[in-house]
């Protein structure tokens, strides 16, 4: 463990201040864009009153939703694993006393036997965090910046100075959507005045320079935001996180890049919830608790091979098929109502094509 003292404490405070620089930059840019558009463009440059009213009303609607979703993304605390995933004092002592290897593995297997976890490390071991001393729930990862395990971690975003995960992923998507609409609206309504700037059709005031830079900034951010927003829409449609897109989750039967995908409609509902009236509002409505997720291990994706990578020859025997002892949380399990449940699968092992546990488990700590 790193030594603590006045020097390390000062460095941590300095890092915290530096982490806020991107947020301050976005805030200042947003404040300037408000002044440039609402004051210099709409009030000073627009001569048609009807155009002024329509543009200002639409602009303030988009501006409000943008700021609201951005605020929620920044200040919604990431959710951490619940107490049941933390090791008890006795289990921690056992891990410290026993040598690395099979003994550690056995302690973790006993601690995880009643937990709703389906994923493993690349070597097939229980996913364990040394820093937090807990068994990682599915889709949970340790953030080196926050120094915490984050439920359904997508990535750590410097532009919001926060981890994007289960608690604020919907807010992050809405932030991208409304910021893109905000930039597109500004670029579209500013275009005719931008053209007048180059044809000397604007009065020679400071407003003309605000109009020019406003169009350039809006157009530039529209391009970058459209690609980022499109990428995250694809992730939602496949029920993947950014981390899972780069490294596919490993289940007991092996790697499965679409193991959490339940189809487009159910994937959307996992993030945005069942009530469509809340979809466009930065109000938390995602399904589940972030600790357990339905999987489609028995519904192979057309892109997936018939035998997943890592499936051994012994796994092809359906008699050896095993599933976790504890079912999914009720808040998530209803997404599987029109599919085979874990109970149905375990009582009809002949129908299963995947989901075999790997008997050759080895200890591997992930941080």
Protein backbone atom coordinates (compact mmCIF):
# COMPACT_ATOMS: atom_id res chain seq x y z
CA UNK A 1 0.00 0.00 0.00
CA UNK A 2 1.31 3.47 -0.88
CA UNK A 3 2.44 5.59 2.10
CA UNK A 4 0.03 8.33 3.16
CA UNK A 5 1.20 11.72 4.29
CA UNK A 6 0.97 15.47 3.66
CA UNK A 7 2.72 15.09 0.28
CA UNK A 8 0.43 12.37 -1.06
CA UNK A 9 -2.63 14.20 0.28
CA UNK A 10 -1.60 17.38 -1.56
CA UNK A 11 -1.06 15.42 -4.78
CA UNK A 12 -4.52 13.89 -4.50
CA UNK A 13 -6.07 17.33 -4.05
CA UNK A 14 -4.17 18.65 -7.07
CA UNK A 15 -5.37 15.73 -9.18
CA UNK A 16 -8.97 16.37 -8.11
CA UNK A 17 -8.65 19.99 -9.24
CA UNK A 18 -7.08 18.97 -12.57
CA UNK A 19 -9.87 16.46 -13.21
CA UNK A 20 -12.39 19.32 -13.20
CA UNK A 21 -10.63 21.27 -15.99
CA UNK A 22 -12.54 19.56 -18.87
CA UNK A 23 -15.86 20.18 -17.07
CA UNK A 24 -14.98 23.85 -16.53
CA UNK A 25 -14.02 24.13 -20.22
CA UNK A 26 -17.39 22.69 -21.35
CA UNK A 27 -19.23 24.97 -18.89
CA UNK A 28 -17.43 28.09 -20.15
CA UNK A 29 -18.02 27.08 -23.77
CA UNK A 30 -21.70 26.51 -23.02
CA UNK A 31 -21.97 29.90 -21.32
CA UNK A 32 -20.35 31.64 -24.29
CA UNK A 33 -22.60 29.81 -26.75
CA UNK A 34 -25.64 31.02 -24.82
CA UNK A 35 -24.45 34.62 -25.02
CA UNK A 36 -23.46 34.33 -28.68
CA UNK A 37 -26.72 32.70 -29.79
CA UNK A 38 -29.40 34.18 -27.54
CA UNK A 39 -28.01 37.71 -27.36
CA UNK A 40 -25.77 38.36 -30.34
CA UNK A 41 -27.60 36.26 -32.93
CA UNK A 42 -31.26 36.20 -31.90
CA UNK A 43 -31.68 39.60 -30.24
CA UNK A 44 -29.06 41.70 -32.04
CA UNK A 45 -28.88 40.19 -35.53
CA UNK A 46 -32.35 38.76 -36.23
CA UNK A 47 -34.76 41.35 -37.58
CA UNK A 48 -37.85 39.17 -37.87
CA UNK A 49 -39.70 39.04 -34.52
CA UNK A 50 -41.41 35.75 -35.29
CA UNK A 51 -38.07 34.13 -36.12
CA UNK A 52 -36.63 35.49 -32.89
CA UNK A 53 -39.42 34.01 -30.76
CA UNK A 54 -39.35 30.58 -32.41
CA UNK A 55 -35.55 30.31 -32.29
CA UNK A 56 -35.35 31.46 -28.67
CA UNK A 57 -38.08 29.05 -27.52
CA UNK A 58 -36.54 26.05 -29.29
CA UNK A 59 -33.05 27.05 -28.19
CA UNK A 60 -33.97 27.33 -24.50
CA UNK A 61 -35.72 23.96 -24.59
CA UNK A 62 -32.63 22.25 -25.99
CA UNK A 63 -30.34 24.27 -23.72
CA UNK A 64 -32.33 23.25 -20.63
CA UNK A 65 -32.36 19.54 -21.51
CA UNK A 66 -28.65 19.68 -22.36
CA UNK A 67 -27.72 21.27 -19.03
CA UNK A 68 -30.05 18.99 -17.05
CA UNK A 69 -28.66 15.77 -18.54
CA UNK A 70 -25.07 17.03 -18.26
CA UNK A 71 -25.60 17.91 -14.59
CA UNK A 72 -27.09 14.50 -13.84
CA UNK A 73 -24.22 12.71 -15.60
CA UNK A 74 -21.64 14.63 -13.57
CA UNK A 75 -23.22 14.51 -10.13
CA UNK A 76 -24.89 11.09 -10.09
CA UNK A 77 -22.63 8.95 -7.94
CA UNK A 78 -21.56 5.63 -9.52
CA UNK A 79 -23.08 2.60 -7.84
CA UNK A 80 -20.78 0.16 -6.07
CA UNK A 81 -21.37 -3.56 -5.36
CA UNK A 82 -23.68 -4.32 -2.45
CA UNK A 83 -22.45 -5.82 0.83
CA UNK A 84 -23.22 -9.39 -0.17
CA UNK A 85 -20.34 -9.26 -2.69
CA UNK A 86 -17.82 -8.17 -0.06
CA UNK A 87 -15.85 -10.89 1.69
CA UNK A 88 -16.44 -11.44 5.36
CA UNK A 89 -13.69 -10.82 7.87
CA UNK A 90 -13.08 -14.55 8.21
CA UNK A 91 -12.85 -15.00 4.43
CA UNK A 92 -10.38 -12.14 4.16
CA UNK A 93 -8.22 -13.76 6.83
CA UNK A 94 -8.32 -17.06 4.96
CA UNK A 95 -7.15 -15.38 1.76
CA UNK A 96 -4.28 -13.72 3.60
CA UNK A 97 -3.17 -16.96 5.31
CA UNK A 98 -3.48 -19.37 2.42
CA UNK A 99 -0.86 -19.44 -0.35
CA UNK A 100 -1.88 -18.34 -3.81
CA UNK A 101 -3.50 -21.01 -5.93
CA UNK A 102 -6.10 -23.66 -5.24
CA UNK A 103 -6.68 -22.59 -1.64
CA UNK A 104 -7.53 -19.02 -2.69
CA UNK A 105 -9.70 -20.35 -5.44
CA UNK A 106 -11.64 -22.57 -3.06
CA UNK A 107 -12.31 -19.67 -0.66
CA UNK A 108 -13.67 -17.53 -3.50
CA UNK A 109 -15.77 -20.39 -4.88
CA UNK A 110 -17.41 -20.91 -1.49
CA UNK A 111 -18.05 -17.16 -1.11
CA UNK A 112 -19.53 -16.88 -4.62
CA UNK A 113 -21.65 -20.05 -4.71
CA UNK A 114 -24.90 -18.22 -3.78
CA UNK A 115 -24.20 -15.03 -5.71
CA UNK A 116 -25.89 -14.27 -9.07
CA UNK A 117 -22.68 -14.19 -11.12
CA UNK A 118 -22.18 -15.82 -14.51
CA UNK A 119 -18.95 -14.31 -15.82
CA UNK A 120 -15.38 -15.35 -15.10
CA UNK A 121 -11.85 -14.15 -15.82
CA UNK A 122 -10.08 -15.16 -19.01
CA UNK A 123 -8.62 -18.17 -17.18
CA UNK A 124 -12.02 -19.20 -15.80
CA UNK A 125 -11.54 -17.97 -12.22
CA UNK A 126 -13.91 -15.99 -10.02
CA UNK A 127 -13.58 -12.27 -10.74
CA UNK A 128 -12.11 -10.77 -7.57
CA UNK A 129 -10.87 -7.24 -6.80
CA UNK A 130 -7.86 -7.04 -4.51
CA UNK A 131 -8.27 -3.29 -3.95
CA UNK A 132 -11.92 -3.43 -2.84
CA UNK A 133 -11.70 -6.98 -1.46
CA UNK A 134 -14.91 -8.12 -3.07
CA UNK A 135 -16.19 -10.56 -5.65
CA UNK A 136 -17.07 -8.57 -8.75
CA UNK A 137 -20.67 -8.78 -9.95
CA UNK A 138 -21.20 -9.33 -13.67
CA UNK A 139 -20.18 -6.34 -15.80
CA UNK A 140 -18.54 -4.66 -12.79
CA UNK A 141 -14.99 -3.30 -13.15
CA UNK A 142 -12.51 -1.43 -10.98
CA UNK A 143 -11.90 2.18 -12.02
CA UNK A 144 -8.31 3.24 -11.46
CA UNK A 145 -9.31 6.94 -11.37
CA UNK A 146 -12.16 6.58 -8.86
CA UNK A 147 -10.33 3.70 -7.12
CA UNK A 148 -13.65 1.87 -6.74
CA UNK A 149 -15.50 -1.01 -8.33
CA UNK A 150 -18.28 0.43 -10.52
CA UNK A 151 -21.43 -1.52 -11.42
CA UNK A 152 -21.80 -2.05 -15.18
CA UNK A 153 -18.87 0.25 -15.81
CA UNK A 154 -18.76 1.66 -19.33
CA UNK A 155 -15.78 3.99 -19.08
CA UNK A 156 -14.39 6.87 -17.03
CA UNK A 157 -15.24 10.07 -18.90
CA UNK A 158 -12.96 13.09 -18.29
CA UNK A 159 -15.56 15.44 -19.84
CA UNK A 160 -17.94 14.73 -16.95
CA UNK A 161 -15.25 13.89 -14.37
CA UNK A 162 -17.17 10.79 -13.44
CA UNK A 163 -17.45 7.11 -14.15
CA UNK A 164 -20.18 6.24 -16.62
CA UNK A 165 -21.89 3.11 -15.34
CA UNK A 166 -25.20 1.61 -14.31
CA UNK A 167 -26.38 4.62 -12.28
CA UNK A 168 -25.81 7.30 -14.94
CA UNK A 169 -25.46 5.57 -18.33
CA UNK A 170 -28.94 6.73 -19.39
CA UNK A 171 -28.02 10.29 -18.39
CA UNK A 172 -24.81 10.05 -20.40
CA UNK A 173 -26.72 8.91 -23.50
CA UNK A 174 -29.20 11.77 -23.12
CA UNK A 175 -26.31 14.19 -22.62
CA UNK A 176 -24.83 13.05 -25.94
CA UNK A 177 -28.23 13.22 -27.65
CA UNK A 178 -29.17 16.69 -26.43
CA UNK A 179 -25.69 18.11 -26.98
CA UNK A 180 -25.81 16.82 -30.57
CA UNK A 181 -29.28 18.32 -31.12
CA UNK A 182 -28.09 21.56 -29.51
CA UNK A 183 -25.13 21.85 -31.90
CA UNK A 184 -27.17 20.86 -34.96
CA UNK A 185 -29.87 23.40 -34.13
CA UNK A 186 -27.33 26.18 -33.69
CA UNK A 187 -25.54 25.28 -36.93
CA UNK A 188 -28.81 25.09 -38.90
CA UNK A 189 -30.25 28.41 -37.67
CA UNK A 190 -26.90 30.21 -37.80
CA UNK A 191 -26.07 29.09 -41.34
CA UNK A 192 -27.81 31.94 -43.21
CA UNK A 193 -26.09 34.54 -41.02
CA UNK A 194 -22.79 32.76 -41.42
CA UNK A 195 -23.22 33.08 -45.19
CA UNK A 196 -24.06 36.77 -44.80
CA UNK A 197 -20.82 37.20 -42.87
CA UNK A 198 -18.79 36.12 -45.92
CA UNK A 199 -20.92 38.16 -48.32
CA UNK A 200 -20.67 41.29 -46.15
CA UNK A 201 -24.37 41.20 -45.45
CA UNK A 202 -23.99 41.74 -41.69
CA UNK A 203 -23.43 45.06 -39.92
CA UNK A 204 -19.85 45.64 -38.88
CA UNK A 205 -20.33 44.88 -35.15
CA UNK A 206 -18.93 42.37 -32.70
CA UNK A 207 -21.98 40.17 -33.34
CA UNK A 208 -20.60 39.07 -36.72
CA UNK A 209 -17.55 37.47 -35.10
CA UNK A 210 -19.69 35.64 -32.53
CA UNK A 211 -21.85 34.35 -35.38
CA UNK A 212 -18.83 33.10 -37.30
CA UNK A 213 -17.17 31.29 -34.39
CA UNK A 214 -20.52 29.95 -33.19
CA UNK A 215 -21.12 28.21 -36.51
CA UNK A 216 -17.60 26.75 -36.63
CA UNK A 217 -17.86 25.44 -33.04
CA UNK A 218 -21.35 23.98 -33.56
CA UNK A 219 -20.38 22.28 -36.84
CA UNK A 220 -17.16 20.86 -35.39
CA UNK A 221 -18.83 19.45 -32.27
CA UNK A 222 -21.72 18.07 -34.35
CA UNK A 223 -19.33 15.85 -36.28
CA UNK A 224 -17.56 14.45 -33.22
CA UNK A 225 -20.77 14.05 -31.19
CA UNK A 226 -22.63 12.29 -34.01
CA UNK A 227 -19.96 9.58 -34.22
CA UNK A 228 -19.81 9.15 -30.44
CA UNK A 229 -23.59 9.10 -30.05
CA UNK A 230 -23.96 6.65 -32.94
CA UNK A 231 -21.39 4.35 -31.36
CA UNK A 232 -23.21 4.31 -28.01
CA UNK A 233 -26.55 3.71 -29.75
CA UNK A 234 -24.97 0.63 -31.31
CA UNK A 235 -23.71 -0.46 -27.89
CA UNK A 236 -27.21 -0.13 -26.42
CA UNK A 237 -28.75 -2.09 -29.29
CA UNK A 238 -26.29 -4.94 -28.60
CA UNK A 239 -26.43 -4.55 -24.80
CA UNK A 240 -22.69 -3.99 -24.53
CA UNK A 241 -20.54 -1.57 -22.59
CA UNK A 242 -17.48 0.11 -24.07
CA UNK A 243 -15.27 -2.25 -22.07
CA UNK A 244 -17.20 -5.30 -23.31
CA UNK A 245 -16.90 -4.09 -26.91
CA UNK A 246 -13.11 -4.13 -26.58
CA UNK A 247 -12.96 -7.35 -24.53
CA UNK A 248 -15.89 -9.74 -24.71
CA UNK A 249 -17.22 -11.09 -21.40
CA UNK A 250 -16.19 -14.61 -20.44
CA UNK A 251 -18.89 -16.96 -19.21
CA UNK A 252 -18.50 -20.46 -17.79
CA UNK A 253 -18.73 -21.92 -21.28
CA UNK A 254 -16.25 -19.46 -22.77
CA UNK A 255 -16.15 -16.05 -24.42
CA UNK A 256 -19.46 -14.78 -25.77
CA UNK A 257 -19.51 -11.27 -27.25
CA UNK A 258 -23.33 -11.12 -27.27
CA UNK A 259 -23.95 -12.99 -24.02
CA UNK A 260 -26.01 -10.17 -22.48
CA UNK A 261 -27.99 -9.26 -25.60
CA UNK A 262 -31.71 -10.06 -25.38
CA UNK A 263 -32.81 -8.41 -28.62
CA UNK A 264 -33.11 -4.74 -29.56
CA UNK A 265 -36.34 -3.99 -27.67
CA UNK A 266 -35.28 -5.60 -24.38
CA UNK A 267 -31.79 -4.13 -24.64
CA UNK A 268 -33.33 -0.66 -24.92
CA UNK A 269 -35.60 -1.31 -21.95
CA UNK A 270 -32.68 -2.33 -19.77
CA UNK A 271 -31.20 1.15 -20.15
CA UNK A 272 -34.31 3.35 -20.53
CA UNK A 273 -36.89 1.35 -18.57
CA UNK A 274 -40.41 0.13 -19.28
CA UNK A 275 -42.19 3.52 -19.12
CA UNK A 276 -41.61 5.41 -22.36
CA UNK A 277 -42.73 8.72 -20.85
CA UNK A 278 -39.40 8.83 -18.96
CA UNK A 279 -37.15 7.87 -21.86
CA UNK A 280 -36.32 11.42 -22.96
CA UNK A 281 -35.99 12.82 -19.43
CA UNK A 282 -32.81 12.57 -17.32
CA UNK A 283 -34.67 10.65 -14.63
CA UNK A 284 -33.35 7.26 -13.56
CA UNK A 285 -35.54 4.53 -15.04
CA UNK A 286 -33.08 1.75 -15.93
CA UNK A 287 -34.13 -1.78 -15.00
CA UNK A 288 -32.41 -3.86 -12.35
CA UNK A 289 -29.98 -3.19 -9.54
CA UNK A 290 -26.72 -3.28 -11.52
CA UNK A 291 -25.55 -6.46 -9.78
CA UNK A 292 -27.27 -9.10 -11.94
CA UNK A 293 -28.27 -9.22 -15.59
CA UNK A 294 -30.24 -11.65 -17.77
CA UNK A 295 -28.17 -13.53 -20.33
CA UNK A 296 -28.95 -15.28 -23.60
CA UNK A 297 -26.57 -18.19 -23.27
CA UNK A 298 -29.12 -20.56 -24.81
CA UNK A 299 -30.10 -18.19 -27.62
CA UNK A 300 -27.05 -18.04 -29.82
CA UNK A 301 -26.56 -14.90 -31.90
CA UNK A 302 -26.36 -15.56 -35.66
CA UNK A 303 -22.88 -14.01 -35.63
CA UNK A 304 -21.69 -16.46 -32.99
CA UNK A 305 -20.22 -19.88 -33.83
CA UNK A 306 -22.27 -22.91 -32.83
CA UNK A 307 -19.61 -23.87 -30.28
CA UNK A 308 -18.32 -20.81 -28.38
CA UNK A 309 -14.59 -20.30 -28.06
CA UNK A 310 -13.21 -21.96 -25.00
CA UNK A 311 -15.81 -24.74 -24.85
CA UNK A 312 -14.05 -27.99 -24.14
CA UNK A 313 -15.03 -31.39 -25.48
CA UNK A 314 -16.35 -32.39 -22.07
CA UNK A 315 -18.65 -29.34 -22.09
CA UNK A 316 -20.58 -30.82 -25.01
CA UNK A 317 -22.09 -33.38 -22.64
CA UNK A 318 -25.39 -31.84 -21.47
CA UNK A 319 -25.35 -33.90 -18.28
CA UNK A 320 -22.52 -31.69 -16.98
CA UNK A 321 -24.51 -28.47 -17.49
CA UNK A 322 -24.50 -26.24 -14.40
CA UNK A 323 -25.99 -22.88 -13.57
CA UNK A 324 -25.62 -20.48 -10.64
CA UNK A 325 -27.50 -21.47 -7.51
CA UNK A 326 -29.11 -18.06 -7.04
CA UNK A 327 -31.53 -16.69 -9.68
CA UNK A 328 -31.60 -13.21 -11.14
CA UNK A 329 -33.10 -10.29 -9.27
CA UNK A 330 -36.85 -9.94 -9.87
CA UNK A 331 -36.32 -6.48 -11.38
CA UNK A 332 -34.38 -8.05 -14.24
CA UNK A 333 -35.84 -11.52 -14.60
CA UNK A 334 -39.09 -10.33 -16.20
CA UNK A 335 -37.12 -9.57 -19.35
CA UNK A 336 -36.81 -13.31 -19.83
CA UNK A 337 -40.55 -14.08 -19.58
CA UNK A 338 -40.78 -15.07 -23.24
CA UNK A 339 -37.54 -17.04 -23.16
CA UNK A 340 -36.38 -20.16 -21.38
CA UNK A 341 -35.66 -19.51 -17.73
CA UNK A 342 -32.67 -20.88 -15.88
CA UNK A 343 -34.95 -23.32 -14.06
CA UNK A 344 -36.44 -24.63 -17.29
CA UNK A 345 -32.97 -25.00 -18.76
CA UNK A 346 -31.62 -26.92 -15.80
CA UNK A 347 -34.55 -29.35 -15.90
CA UNK A 348 -34.18 -29.81 -19.68
CA UNK A 349 -30.42 -29.95 -20.19
CA UNK A 350 -30.78 -31.49 -23.63
CA UNK A 351 -32.02 -28.15 -25.00
CA UNK A 352 -28.88 -26.30 -23.97
CA UNK A 353 -26.12 -25.40 -26.36
CA UNK A 354 -23.94 -23.40 -24.00
CA UNK A 355 -23.44 -22.45 -20.36
CA UNK A 356 -21.07 -25.18 -19.24
CA UNK A 357 -18.96 -24.36 -16.22
CA UNK A 358 -15.25 -24.73 -16.64
CA UNK A 359 -13.86 -27.24 -14.11
CA UNK A 360 -10.30 -26.05 -14.63
CA UNK A 361 -10.63 -22.88 -12.58
CA UNK A 362 -7.46 -20.99 -11.65
CA UNK A 363 -7.03 -18.03 -9.35
CA UNK A 364 -6.74 -14.65 -11.05
CA UNK A 365 -7.15 -11.29 -9.35
CA UNK A 366 -8.46 -8.39 -11.44
CA UNK A 367 -8.13 -4.75 -10.52
